[in-house]
PDB file of N, CA and C in Angstrom:
ATOM      1  N   UNK A   1     -27.758   5.604 -15.003  1.00  0.00           N
ATOM      2  CA  UNK A   1     -27.295   5.484 -14.065  1.00  0.00           C
ATOM      3  C   UNK A   1     -27.005   5.299 -13.359  1.00  0.00           C
ATOM      4  N   UNK A   2     -27.194   2.938 -13.902  1.00  0.00           N
ATOM      5  CA  UNK A   2     -26.857   2.283 -14.032  1.00  0.00           C
ATOM      6  C   UNK A   2     -25.409   1.748 -14.180  1.00  0.00           C
ATOM      7  N   UNK A   3     -24.713   2.135 -16.003  1.00  0.00           N
ATOM      8  CA  UNK A   3     -23.565   2.779 -16.056  1.00  0.00           C
ATOM      9  C   UNK A   3     -22.825   3.780 -15.044  1.00  0.00           C
ATOM     10  N   UNK A   4     -23.450   5.007 -14.758  1.00  0.00           N
ATOM     11  CA  UNK A   4     -22.568   5.258 -13.756  1.00  0.00           C
ATOM     12  C   UNK A   4     -22.095   4.647 -12.486  1.00  0.00           C
ATOM     13  N   UNK A   5     -23.083   4.436 -12.276  1.00  0.00           N
ATOM     14  CA  UNK A   5     -22.470   3.006 -10.490  1.00  0.00           C
ATOM     15  C   UNK A   5     -20.786   2.024 -11.119  1.00  0.00           C
ATOM     16  N   UNK A   6     -21.977   1.286 -12.411  1.00  0.00           N
ATOM     17  CA  UNK A   6     -20.288   0.432 -12.657  1.00  0.00           C
ATOM     18  C   UNK A   6     -19.222   1.367 -13.090  1.00  0.00           C
ATOM     19  N   UNK A   7     -19.131   2.670 -13.660  1.00  0.00           N
ATOM     20  CA  UNK A   7     -18.405   3.257 -14.105  1.00  0.00           C
ATOM     21  C   UNK A   7     -17.045   3.770 -12.938  1.00  0.00           C
ATOM     22  N   UNK A   8     -18.500   4.076 -11.179  1.00  0.00           N
ATOM     23  CA  UNK A   8     -17.777   4.474  -9.845  1.00  0.00           C
ATOM     24  C   UNK A   8     -16.907   3.025  -9.296  1.00  0.00           C
ATOM     25  N   UNK A   9     -17.804   2.034  -9.445  1.00  0.00           N
ATOM     26  CA  UNK A   9     -17.361   0.691  -8.849  1.00  0.00           C
ATOM     27  C   UNK A   9     -16.186   0.585  -9.532  1.00  0.00           C
ATOM     28  N   UNK A  10     -15.422   0.633 -10.925  1.00  0.00           N
ATOM     29  CA  UNK A  10     -13.961  -0.415 -11.323  1.00  0.00           C
ATOM     30  C   UNK A  10     -12.921   0.560 -10.679  1.00  0.00           C
ATOM     31  N   UNK A  11     -13.590   2.422 -11.358  1.00  0.00           N
ATOM     32  CA  UNK A  11     -12.804   3.274 -10.829  1.00  0.00           C
ATOM     33  C   UNK A  11     -12.202   3.307  -9.403  1.00  0.00           C
ATOM     34  N   UNK A  12     -13.265   2.939  -8.560  1.00  0.00           N
ATOM     35  CA  UNK A  12     -13.226   2.495  -7.292  1.00  0.00           C
ATOM     36  C   UNK A  12     -11.860   1.248  -6.668  1.00  0.00           C
ATOM     37  N   UNK A  13     -11.521   0.340  -7.362  1.00  0.00           N
ATOM     38  CA  UNK A  13     -11.120  -1.231  -7.792  1.00  0.00           C
ATOM     39  C   UNK A  13     -10.164  -1.150  -7.894  1.00  0.00           C
ATOM     40  N   UNK A  14     -10.150  -0.608  -9.256  1.00  0.00           N
ATOM     41  CA  UNK A  14      -8.519  -0.025 -10.053  1.00  0.00           C
ATOM     42  C   UNK A  14      -7.694   0.894  -8.867  1.00  0.00           C
ATOM     43  N   UNK A  15      -8.463   1.443  -8.004  1.00  0.00           N
ATOM     44  CA  UNK A  15      -7.631   2.740  -7.115  1.00  0.00           C
ATOM     45  C   UNK A  15      -7.628   2.071  -6.302  1.00  0.00           C
ATOM     46  N   UNK A  16      -8.009   0.706  -5.509  1.00  0.00           N
ATOM     47  CA  UNK A  16      -7.184   0.367  -4.793  1.00  0.00           C
ATOM     48  C   UNK A  16      -6.276  -1.634  -4.980  1.00  0.00           C
ATOM     49  N   UNK A  17      -6.960  -1.539  -6.144  1.00  0.00           N
ATOM     50  CA  UNK A  17      -5.755  -2.557  -6.642  1.00  0.00           C
ATOM     51  C   UNK A  17      -4.087  -1.966  -6.897  1.00  0.00           C
ATOM     52  N   UNK A  18      -4.460  -0.585  -7.672  1.00  0.00           N
ATOM     53  CA  UNK A  18      -3.180   0.060  -7.964  1.00  0.00           C
ATOM     54  C   UNK A  18      -2.402   0.090  -6.332  1.00  0.00           C
ATOM     55  N   UNK A  19      -3.150   0.313  -5.436  1.00  0.00           N
ATOM     56  CA  UNK A  19      -2.364   1.240  -4.359  1.00  0.00           C
ATOM     57  C   UNK A  19      -2.038  -0.161  -3.232  1.00  0.00           C
ATOM     58  N   UNK A  20      -2.433  -1.301  -3.597  1.00  0.00           N
ATOM     59  CA  UNK A  20      -2.127  -2.534  -3.078  1.00  0.00           C
ATOM     60  C   UNK A  20      -0.919  -2.904  -3.954  1.00  0.00           C
ATOM     61  N   UNK A  21      -0.635  -2.788  -5.205  1.00  0.00           N
ATOM     62  CA  UNK A  21       0.365  -3.152  -5.464  1.00  0.00           C
ATOM     63  C   UNK A  21       1.648  -2.391  -5.475  1.00  0.00           C
ATOM     64  N   UNK A  22       0.983  -1.191  -5.170  1.00  0.00           N
ATOM     65  CA  UNK A  22       2.246   0.261  -4.447  1.00  0.00           C
ATOM     66  C   UNK A  22       2.551  -0.340  -3.596  1.00  0.00           C
ATOM     67  N   UNK A  23       1.518  -0.837  -2.786  1.00  0.00           N
ATOM     68  CA  UNK A  23       2.411  -0.890  -0.897  1.00  0.00           C
ATOM     69  C   UNK A  23       3.364  -2.388  -1.204  1.00  0.00           C
ATOM     70  N   UNK A  24       2.675  -3.659  -1.653  1.00  0.00           N
ATOM     71  CA  UNK A  24       3.494  -4.589  -1.913  1.00  0.00           C
ATOM     72  C   UNK A  24       4.822  -4.465  -2.156  1.00  0.00           C
ATOM     73  N   UNK A  25       5.049  -3.533  -3.464  1.00  0.00           N
ATOM     74  CA  UNK A  25       6.128  -3.866  -4.262  1.00  0.00           C
ATOM     75  C   UNK A  25       7.422  -1.977  -3.029  1.00  0.00           C
ATOM     76  N   UNK A  26       6.745  -1.030  -2.752  1.00  0.00           N
ATOM     77  CA  UNK A  26       7.409  -1.388  -0.957  1.00  0.00           C
ATOM     78  C   UNK A  26       7.982  -1.668  -0.359  1.00  0.00           C
ATOM     79  N   UNK A  27       6.578  -2.559   0.216  1.00  0.00           N
ATOM     80  CA  UNK A  27       7.626  -4.109   1.382  1.00  0.00           C
ATOM     81  C   UNK A  27       8.539  -4.225   0.613  1.00  0.00           C
ATOM     82  N   UNK A  28       8.242  -4.993  -0.462  1.00  0.00           N
ATOM     83  CA  UNK A  28       9.679  -6.131  -1.398  1.00  0.00           C
ATOM     84  C   UNK A  28      11.009  -4.692  -0.719  1.00  0.00           C
ATOM     85  N   UNK A  29      10.639  -3.380  -2.004  1.00  0.00           N
ATOM     86  CA  UNK A  29      12.274  -2.883  -1.880  1.00  0.00           C
ATOM     87  C   UNK A  29      12.718  -3.235   0.249  1.00  0.00           C
ATOM     88  N   UNK A  30      11.865  -2.900   0.912  1.00  0.00           N
ATOM     89  CA  UNK A  30      12.299  -3.409   2.748  1.00  0.00           C
ATOM     90  C   UNK A  30      13.243  -4.518   2.210  1.00  0.00           C
ATOM     91  N   UNK A  31      12.456  -5.488   2.371  1.00  0.00           N
ATOM     92  CA  UNK A  31      12.821  -6.882   2.049  1.00  0.00           C
ATOM     93  C   UNK A  31      14.144  -6.905   1.810  1.00  0.00           C
ATOM     94  N   UNK A  32      13.661  -7.002   0.476  1.00  0.00           N
ATOM     95  CA  UNK A  32      15.587  -6.779  -0.824  1.00  0.00           C
ATOM     96  C   UNK A  32      16.475  -6.389   0.161  1.00  0.00           C
ATOM     97  N   UNK A  33      16.580  -4.409   1.004  1.00  0.00           N
ATOM     98  CA  UNK A  33      17.597  -3.958   1.748  1.00  0.00           C
ATOM     99  C   UNK A  33      18.122  -4.780   2.786  1.00  0.00           C
ATOM    100  N   UNK A  34      16.819  -5.673   3.511  1.00  0.00           N
ATOM    101  CA  UNK A  34      17.238  -6.540   4.352  1.00  0.00           C
ATOM    102  C   UNK A  34      18.733  -7.336   4.700  1.00  0.00           C
ATOM    103  N   UNK A  35      18.170  -7.491   2.821  1.00  0.00           N
ATOM    104  CA  UNK A  35      18.403  -9.378   2.799  1.00  0.00           C
ATOM    105  C   UNK A  35      19.825  -9.216   1.930  1.00  0.00           C
ATOM    106  N   UNK A  36      20.138  -7.872   1.299  1.00  0.00           N
ATOM    107  CA  UNK A  36      21.461  -7.434   1.028  1.00  0.00           C
ATOM    108  C   UNK A  36      21.297  -6.925  -0.616  1.00  0.00           C
ATOM    109  N   UNK A  37      19.788  -7.118  -1.163  1.00  0.00           N
ATOM    110  CA  UNK A  37      20.148  -7.466  -2.443  1.00  0.00           C
ATOM    111  C   UNK A  37      20.589  -5.607  -3.095  1.00  0.00           C
ATOM    112  N   UNK A  38      21.033  -4.880  -2.464  1.00  0.00           N
ATOM    113  CA  UNK A  38      21.500  -3.478  -3.575  1.00  0.00           C
ATOM    114  C   UNK A  38      22.901  -3.831  -2.787  1.00  0.00           C
ATOM    115  N   UNK A  39      23.561  -3.354  -4.255  1.00  0.00           N
ATOM    116  CA  UNK A  39      24.821  -3.465  -3.992  1.00  0.00           C
ATOM    117  C   UNK A  39      25.413  -2.279  -3.480  1.00  0.00           C
ATOM    118  N   UNK A  40      24.836  -1.132  -3.128  1.00  0.00           N
ATOM    119  CA  UNK A  40      25.358  -0.340  -2.253  1.00  0.00           C
ATOM    120  C   UNK A  40      24.159   0.759  -1.142  1.00  0.00           C
ATOM    121  N   UNK A  41      24.643   1.624  -0.918  1.00  0.00           N
ATOM    122  CA  UNK A  41      23.610   2.229   0.450  1.00  0.00           C
ATOM    123  C   UNK A  41      22.284   3.355  -1.018  1.00  0.00           C
ATOM    124  N   UNK A  42      23.329   3.709  -1.872  1.00  0.00           N
ATOM    125  CA  UNK A  42      22.607   4.681  -3.086  1.00  0.00           C
ATOM    126  C   UNK A  42      21.341   3.785  -3.747  1.00  0.00           C
ATOM    127  N   UNK A  43      21.457   2.824  -4.243  1.00  0.00           N
ATOM    128  CA  UNK A  43      20.316   2.136  -4.581  1.00  0.00           C
ATOM    129  C   UNK A  43      19.764   1.963  -3.776  1.00  0.00           C
ATOM    130  N   UNK A  44      19.627   1.279  -2.532  1.00  0.00           N
ATOM    131  CA  UNK A  44      19.025   0.453  -2.013  1.00  0.00           C
ATOM    132  C   UNK A  44      17.703   2.171  -1.991  1.00  0.00           C
ATOM    133  N   UNK A  45      18.626   3.309  -1.273  1.00  0.00           N
ATOM    134  CA  UNK A  45      17.791   5.170  -1.451  1.00  0.00           C
ATOM    135  C   UNK A  45      16.627   5.140  -2.151  1.00  0.00           C
ATOM    136  N   UNK A  46      17.338   4.700  -3.720  1.00  0.00           N
ATOM    137  CA  UNK A  46      17.206   5.503  -4.852  1.00  0.00           C
ATOM    138  C   UNK A  46      15.641   4.325  -5.070  1.00  0.00           C
ATOM    139  N   UNK A  47      15.527   3.045  -3.991  1.00  0.00           N
ATOM    140  CA  UNK A  47      14.446   2.592  -4.906  1.00  0.00           C
ATOM    141  C   UNK A  47      13.732   2.839  -4.295  1.00  0.00           C
ATOM    142  N   UNK A  48      14.277   3.122  -2.845  1.00  0.00           N
ATOM    143  CA  UNK A  48      13.494   2.985  -2.039  1.00  0.00           C
ATOM    144  C   UNK A  48      12.708   4.555  -2.425  1.00  0.00           C
ATOM    145  N   UNK A  49      13.387   5.493  -2.226  1.00  0.00           N
ATOM    146  CA  UNK A  49      12.149   6.383  -2.988  1.00  0.00           C
ATOM    147  C   UNK A  49      11.079   6.439  -3.385  1.00  0.00           C
ATOM    148  N   UNK A  50      11.207   5.436  -4.900  1.00  0.00           N
ATOM    149  CA  UNK A  50      10.781   5.456  -5.787  1.00  0.00           C
ATOM    150  C   UNK A  50       9.645   4.893  -5.822  1.00  0.00           C
ATOM    151  N   UNK A  51      10.029   3.696  -4.357  1.00  0.00           N
ATOM    152  CA  UNK A  51       8.068   2.534  -4.233  1.00  0.00           C
ATOM    153  C   UNK A  51       8.019   3.695  -3.425  1.00  0.00           C
ATOM    154  N   UNK A  52       8.129   4.058  -1.855  1.00  0.00           N
ATOM    155  CA  UNK A  52       7.816   5.730  -2.155  1.00  0.00           C
ATOM    156  C   UNK A  52       7.283   6.272  -2.356  1.00  0.00           C
ATOM    157  N   UNK A  53       7.612   7.158  -3.444  1.00  0.00           N
ATOM    158  CA  UNK A  53       7.035   8.003  -4.238  1.00  0.00           C
ATOM    159  C   UNK A  53       5.588   7.497  -4.533  1.00  0.00           C
ATOM    160  N   UNK A  54       5.639   5.932  -5.394  1.00  0.00           N
ATOM    161  CA  UNK A  54       4.593   5.327  -6.161  1.00  0.00           C
ATOM    162  C   UNK A  54       3.474   5.526  -4.440  1.00  0.00           C
ATOM    163  N   UNK A  55       4.052   4.633  -4.080  1.00  0.00           N
ATOM    164  CA  UNK A  55       3.451   4.289  -2.689  1.00  0.00           C
ATOM    165  C   UNK A  55       1.602   5.251  -2.477  1.00  0.00           C
ATOM    166  N   UNK A  56       2.810   6.623  -2.016  1.00  0.00           N
ATOM    167  CA  UNK A  56       1.923   7.785  -2.017  1.00  0.00           C
ATOM    168  C   UNK A  56       1.061   8.523  -3.044  1.00  0.00           C
ATOM    169  N   UNK A  57       1.836   8.258  -4.336  1.00  0.00           N
ATOM    170  CA  UNK A  57       0.677   8.740  -4.688  1.00  0.00           C
ATOM    171  C   UNK A  57      -0.799   7.321  -4.845  1.00  0.00           C
ATOM    172  N   UNK A  58      -0.906   6.348  -4.375  1.00  0.00           N
ATOM    173  CA  UNK A  58      -1.900   6.114  -4.934  1.00  0.00           C
ATOM    174  C   UNK A  58      -2.730   6.495  -3.477  1.00  0.00           C
ATOM    175  N   UNK A  59      -1.761   6.213  -2.979  1.00  0.00           N
ATOM    176  CA  UNK A  59      -2.333   6.318  -1.127  1.00  0.00           C
ATOM    177  C   UNK A  59      -3.318   7.757  -1.186  1.00  0.00           C
ATOM    178  N   UNK A  60      -2.938   9.160  -1.953  1.00  0.00           N
ATOM    179  CA  UNK A  60      -2.889  10.467  -1.994  1.00  0.00           C
ATOM    180  C   UNK A  60      -4.555  10.473  -3.144  1.00  0.00           C
ATOM    181  N   UNK A  61      -4.969   9.141  -3.680  1.00  0.00           N
ATOM    182  CA  UNK A  61      -6.116   9.560  -4.495  1.00  0.00           C
ATOM    183  C   UNK A  61      -7.296   8.959  -2.986  1.00  0.00           C
ATOM    184  N   UNK A  62      -6.967   7.537  -2.399  1.00  0.00           N
ATOM    185  CA  UNK A  62      -7.929   8.215  -1.697  1.00  0.00           C
ATOM    186  C   UNK A  62      -7.767   7.888  -0.495  1.00  0.00           C
ATOM    187  N   UNK A  63      -7.135   8.734   0.218  1.00  0.00           N
ATOM    188  CA  UNK A  63      -6.782  10.236   1.057  1.00  0.00           C
ATOM    189  C   UNK A  63      -7.883  11.577   0.349  1.00  0.00           C
ATOM    190  N   UNK A  64      -7.520  11.799  -0.643  1.00  0.00           N
ATOM    191  CA  UNK A  64      -8.942  12.375  -1.429  1.00  0.00           C
ATOM    192  C   UNK A  64     -10.362  12.068  -1.215  1.00  0.00           C
ATOM    193  N   UNK A  65     -10.652  11.321  -1.242  1.00  0.00           N
ATOM    194  CA  UNK A  65     -11.625  10.636  -1.175  1.00  0.00           C
ATOM    195  C   UNK A  65     -12.297  10.054   0.147  1.00  0.00           C
ATOM    196  N   UNK A  66     -10.833  10.045   1.139  1.00  0.00           N
ATOM    197  CA  UNK A  66     -11.748  10.619   2.669  1.00  0.00           C
ATOM    198  C   UNK A  66     -12.675   9.167   3.243  1.00  0.00           C
ATOM    199  N   UNK A  67     -13.060   8.579   2.610  1.00  0.00           N
ATOM    200  CA  UNK A  67     -13.954   7.103   3.266  1.00  0.00           C
ATOM    201  C   UNK A  67     -13.281   6.158   3.392  1.00  0.00           C
ATOM    202  N   UNK A  68     -14.002   5.451   3.930  1.00  0.00           N
ATOM    203  CA  UNK A  68     -13.499   3.260   3.671  1.00  0.00           C
ATOM    204  C   UNK A  68     -12.580   3.116   2.577  1.00  0.00           C
ATOM    205  N   UNK A  69     -12.224   2.468   2.716  1.00  0.00           N
ATOM    206  CA  UNK A  69     -10.421   2.074   3.832  1.00  0.00           C
ATOM    207  C   UNK A  69     -10.110   3.516   3.964  1.00  0.00           C
ATOM    208  N   UNK A  70      -9.692   4.814   4.092  1.00  0.00           N
ATOM    209  CA  UNK A  70      -8.606   5.171   4.285  1.00  0.00           C
ATOM    210  C   UNK A  70      -8.048   4.985   5.784  1.00  0.00           C
ATOM    211  N   UNK A  71      -8.623   4.866   6.639  1.00  0.00           N
ATOM    212  CA  UNK A  71      -7.930   4.443   7.357  1.00  0.00           C
ATOM    213  C   UNK A  71      -7.262   3.764   7.705  1.00  0.00           C
ATOM    214  N   UNK A  72      -7.670   2.324   7.230  1.00  0.00           N
ATOM    215  CA  UNK A  72      -7.137   0.653   7.132  1.00  0.00           C
ATOM    216  C   UNK A  72      -5.673   1.381   6.082  1.00  0.00           C
ATOM    217  N   UNK A  73      -5.895   2.384   5.030  1.00  0.00           N
ATOM    218  CA  UNK A  73      -5.108   2.242   3.445  1.00  0.00           C
ATOM    219  C   UNK A  73      -3.862   2.634   4.978  1.00  0.00           C
ATOM    220  N   UNK A  74      -3.857   4.052   5.658  1.00  0.00           N
ATOM    221  CA  UNK A  74      -2.964   5.080   6.193  1.00  0.00           C
ATOM    222  C   UNK A  74      -2.317   3.740   6.509  1.00  0.00           C
ATOM    223  N   UNK A  75      -3.069   2.946   8.347  1.00  0.00           N
ATOM    224  CA  UNK A  75      -2.428   2.414   8.553  1.00  0.00           C
ATOM    225  C   UNK A  75      -1.046   1.103   8.045  1.00  0.00           C
ATOM    226  N   UNK A  76      -1.838   0.843   6.859  1.00  0.00           N
ATOM    227  CA  UNK A  76      -0.802  -0.002   5.698  1.00  0.00           C
ATOM    228  C   UNK A  76       0.798   1.087   5.851  1.00  0.00           C
ATOM    229  N   UNK A  77       0.666   2.355   5.148  1.00  0.00           N
ATOM    230  CA  UNK A  77       1.242   2.817   4.599  1.00  0.00           C
ATOM    231  C   UNK A  77       2.384   3.004   5.691  1.00  0.00           C
ATOM    232  N   UNK A  78       2.201   4.061   6.662  1.00  0.00           N
ATOM    233  CA  UNK A  78       2.955   3.904   8.343  1.00  0.00           C
ATOM    234  C   UNK A  78       3.308   2.716   8.404  1.00  0.00           C
ATOM    235  N   UNK A  79       3.087   1.029   8.720  1.00  0.00           N
ATOM    236  CA  UNK A  79       3.654  -0.080   8.715  1.00  0.00           C
ATOM    237  C   UNK A  79       4.223  -0.281   8.003  1.00  0.00           C
ATOM    238  N   UNK A  80       4.557   0.551   6.272  1.00  0.00           N
ATOM    239  CA  UNK A  80       5.832   0.314   5.153  1.00  0.00           C
ATOM    240  C   UNK A  80       6.777   1.484   5.598  1.00  0.00           C
ATOM    241  N   UNK A  81       5.901   2.043   6.176  1.00  0.00           N
ATOM    242  CA  UNK A  81       6.813   3.583   6.515  1.00  0.00           C
ATOM    243  C   UNK A  81       7.945   3.438   7.248  1.00  0.00           C
ATOM    244  N   UNK A  82       8.347   3.373   8.767  1.00  0.00           N
ATOM    245  CA  UNK A  82       8.177   1.567   9.420  1.00  0.00           C
ATOM    246  C   UNK A  82       9.288   0.971   8.847  1.00  0.00           C
ATOM    247  N   UNK A  83       9.277   0.178   8.399  1.00  0.00           N
ATOM    248  CA  UNK A  83      10.610  -0.668   7.556  1.00  0.00           C
ATOM    249  C   UNK A  83      11.633  -0.008   7.483  1.00  0.00           C
ATOM    250  N   UNK A  84      11.226   1.429   6.910  1.00  0.00           N
ATOM    251  CA  UNK A  84      12.478   1.888   6.204  1.00  0.00           C
ATOM    252  C   UNK A  84      12.852   2.421   7.311  1.00  0.00           C
ATOM    253  N   UNK A  85      13.173   2.597   8.713  1.00  0.00           N
ATOM    254  CA  UNK A  85      13.730   3.408   9.299  1.00  0.00           C
ATOM    255  C   UNK A  85      14.706   2.472  10.685  1.00  0.00           C
ATOM    256  N   UNK A  86      14.807   1.283   9.937  1.00  0.00           N
ATOM    257  CA  UNK A  86      15.410   0.332  10.568  1.00  0.00           C
ATOM    258  C   UNK A  86      16.567  -0.547   9.921  1.00  0.00           C
ATOM    259  N   UNK A  87      17.701  -0.497  10.087  1.00  0.00           N
ATOM    260  CA  UNK A  87      18.786  -1.486   9.582  1.00  0.00           C
ATOM    261  C   UNK A  87      18.236  -2.942   9.462  1.00  0.00           C
ATOM    262  N   UNK A  88      17.907  -3.436  10.527  1.00  0.00           N
ATOM    263  CA  UNK A  88      17.435  -5.185  10.484  1.00  0.00           C
ATOM    264  C   UNK A  88      15.764  -5.519  10.342  1.00  0.00           C
ATOM    265  N   UNK A  89      15.539  -7.072   9.502  1.00  0.00           N
ATOM    266  CA  UNK A  89      13.711  -6.301   8.931  1.00  0.00           C
ATOM    267  C   UNK A  89      13.726  -6.694  11.255  1.00  0.00           C
ATOM    268  N   UNK A  90      13.152  -6.608  11.175  1.00  0.00           N
ATOM    269  CA  UNK A  90      12.345  -6.592  12.368  1.00  0.00           C
ATOM    270  C   UNK A  90      11.490  -7.869  13.248  1.00  0.00           C
ATOM    271  N   UNK A  91      11.724  -8.510  13.873  1.00  0.00           N
ATOM    272  CA  UNK A  91      10.994  -9.803  14.235  1.00  0.00           C
ATOM    273  C   UNK A  91       9.276  -8.639  14.137  1.00  0.00           C
ATOM    274  N   UNK A  92       7.771 -10.142  13.296  1.00  0.00           N
ATOM    275  CA  UNK A  92       6.863  -9.600  13.570  1.00  0.00           C
ATOM    276  C   UNK A  92       6.103  -9.395  12.340  1.00  0.00           C
ATOM    277  N   UNK A  93       7.185  -8.562  11.824  1.00  0.00           N
ATOM    278  CA  UNK A  93       6.988  -7.173  10.546  1.00  0.00           C
ATOM    279  C   UNK A  93       6.266  -8.359   8.963  1.00  0.00           C
ATOM    280  N   UNK A  94       6.493  -8.709   9.157  1.00  0.00           N
ATOM    281  CA  UNK A  94       5.545  -9.338   8.302  1.00  0.00           C
ATOM    282  C   UNK A  94       4.143  -9.582   8.050  1.00  0.00           C
ATOM    283  N   UNK A  95       4.390 -10.437   9.965  1.00  0.00           N
ATOM    284  CA  UNK A  95       3.262 -10.713  10.004  1.00  0.00           C
ATOM    285  C   UNK A  95       2.203  -9.394  10.016  1.00  0.00           C
ATOM    286  N   UNK A  96       2.330  -8.099  10.809  1.00  0.00           N
ATOM    287  CA  UNK A  96       1.588  -7.279  11.357  1.00  0.00           C
ATOM    288  C   UNK A  96       1.604  -6.504   9.585  1.00  0.00           C
ATOM    289  N   UNK A  97       2.427  -6.782   8.765  1.00  0.00           N
ATOM    290  CA  UNK A  97       1.636  -5.653   7.453  1.00  0.00           C
ATOM    291  C   UNK A  97       0.663  -6.830   6.641  1.00  0.00           C
ATOM    292  N   UNK A  98       0.733  -8.222   6.901  1.00  0.00           N
ATOM    293  CA  UNK A  98      -0.542  -9.416   6.567  1.00  0.00           C
ATOM    294  C   UNK A  98      -1.163  -8.832   6.823  1.00  0.00           C
ATOM    295  N   UNK A  99      -1.426  -9.214   8.100  1.00  0.00           N
ATOM    296  CA  UNK A  99      -2.674  -8.347   8.810  1.00  0.00           C
ATOM    297  C   UNK A  99      -3.665  -7.123   8.605  1.00  0.00           C
ATOM    298  N   UNK A 100      -2.373  -5.845   8.561  1.00  0.00           N
ATOM    299  CA  UNK A 100      -2.849  -4.633   7.976  1.00  0.00           C
ATOM    300  C   UNK A 100      -3.013  -4.966   6.044  1.00  0.00           C
ATOM    301  N   UNK A 101      -2.643  -5.305   5.139  1.00  0.00           N
ATOM    302  CA  UNK A 101      -3.202  -5.495   4.585  1.00  0.00           C
ATOM    303  C   UNK A 101      -4.774  -5.932   4.031  1.00  0.00           C
ATOM    304  N   UNK A 102      -4.922  -6.447   5.011  1.00  0.00           N
ATOM    305  CA  UNK A 102      -5.498  -8.041   4.842  1.00  0.00           C
ATOM    306  C   UNK A 102      -6.438  -6.557   5.334  1.00  0.00           C
ATOM    307  N   UNK A 103      -6.693  -6.201   6.378  1.00  0.00           N
ATOM    308  CA  UNK A 103      -7.648  -5.394   6.895  1.00  0.00           C
ATOM    309  C   UNK A 103      -8.275  -4.567   5.803  1.00  0.00           C
ATOM    310  N   UNK A 104      -7.283  -3.973   5.091  1.00  0.00           N
ATOM    311  CA  UNK A 104      -7.354  -2.880   4.384  1.00  0.00           C
ATOM    312  C   UNK A 104      -8.055  -3.720   2.858  1.00  0.00           C
ATOM    313  N   UNK A 105      -8.282  -4.922   2.329  1.00  0.00           N
ATOM    314  CA  UNK A 105      -8.159  -5.697   1.459  1.00  0.00           C
ATOM    315  C   UNK A 105      -9.807  -6.032   1.855  1.00  0.00           C
ATOM    316  N   UNK A 106     -10.182  -5.691   3.266  1.00  0.00           N
ATOM    317  CA  UNK A 106     -11.688  -6.577   3.483  1.00  0.00           C
ATOM    318  C   UNK A 106     -12.078  -5.304   3.281  1.00  0.00           C
ATOM    319  N   UNK A 107     -11.828  -3.704   4.169  1.00  0.00           N
ATOM    320  CA  UNK A 107     -12.669  -2.559   4.186  1.00  0.00           C
ATOM    321  C   UNK A 107     -13.097  -2.300   2.911  1.00  0.00           C
ATOM    322  N   UNK A 108     -12.015  -2.436   1.773  1.00  0.00           N
ATOM    323  CA  UNK A 108     -12.064  -2.019   0.668  1.00  0.00           C
ATOM    324  C   UNK A 108     -13.070  -2.755  -0.272  1.00  0.00           C
ATOM    325  N   UNK A 109     -12.903  -4.245  -0.427  1.00  0.00           N
ATOM    326  CA  UNK A 109     -14.223  -5.076  -0.838  1.00  0.00           C
ATOM    327  C   UNK A 109     -15.625  -4.685  -0.288  1.00  0.00           C
ATOM    328  N   UNK A 110     -15.385  -4.143   1.488  1.00  0.00           N
ATOM    329  CA  UNK A 110     -16.966  -4.128   1.866  1.00  0.00           C
ATOM    330  C   UNK A 110     -17.854  -2.875   0.833  1.00  0.00           C
ATOM    331  N   UNK A 111     -16.378  -1.967   0.537  1.00  0.00           N
ATOM    332  CA  UNK A 111     -16.909  -0.450   0.255  1.00  0.00           C
ATOM    333  C   UNK A 111     -17.479  -0.353  -1.145  1.00  0.00           C
ATOM    334  N   UNK A 112     -17.041  -1.595  -1.467  1.00  0.00           N
ATOM    335  CA  UNK A 112     -17.233  -2.734  -3.494  1.00  0.00           C
ATOM    336  C   UNK A 112     -18.621  -2.835  -3.117  1.00  0.00           C
ATOM    337  N   UNK A 113     -19.269  -3.523  -2.542  1.00  0.00           N
ATOM    338  CA  UNK A 113     -20.177  -3.785  -2.093  1.00  0.00           C
ATOM    339  C   UNK A 113     -21.297  -2.612  -2.546  1.00  0.00           C
ATOM    340  N   UNK A 114     -20.701  -2.685  -1.734  1.00  0.00           N
ATOM    341  CA  UNK A 114     -21.814  -0.846  -1.417  1.00  0.00           C
ATOM    342  C   UNK A 114     -21.749  -0.223  -2.293  1.00  0.00           C
ATOM    343  N   UNK A 115     -21.104  -0.054  -3.629  1.00  0.00           N
ATOM    344  CA  UNK A 115     -21.235   0.118  -4.335  1.00  0.00           C
ATOM    345  C   UNK A 115     -22.233  -0.259  -5.774  1.00  0.00           C
ATOM    346  N   UNK A 116     -22.547  -1.266  -5.448  1.00  0.00           N
ATOM    347  CA  UNK A 116     -23.432  -2.165  -6.583  1.00  0.00           C
ATOM    348  C   UNK A 116     -25.169  -2.352  -5.838  1.00  0.00           C
TER     349      UNK A 116
END
């Protein structure tokens, strides 16, 4: 029984970490696009699409669970997706992203603590 709980805990922790890694990478794509680091629009779109796909795949695992921190994860994804709709870096976007990321981390930590 304890081994099963440990496996669930570790699997959930890995899911949350993979999601955070994907969201961080997707946010960096937006940042690089705003800085003009991609040589052309096609490369920027290819990078955005690859990051979007990875984030969505990681989010789907959390969404299927349907429990905390799914709402926090959804809000973080929506924030990142809004980054792709503008050509210039919106004022306050990183503060918003950081706050939503922190909310996800706190909710994930609570969910993990509840598994112990």
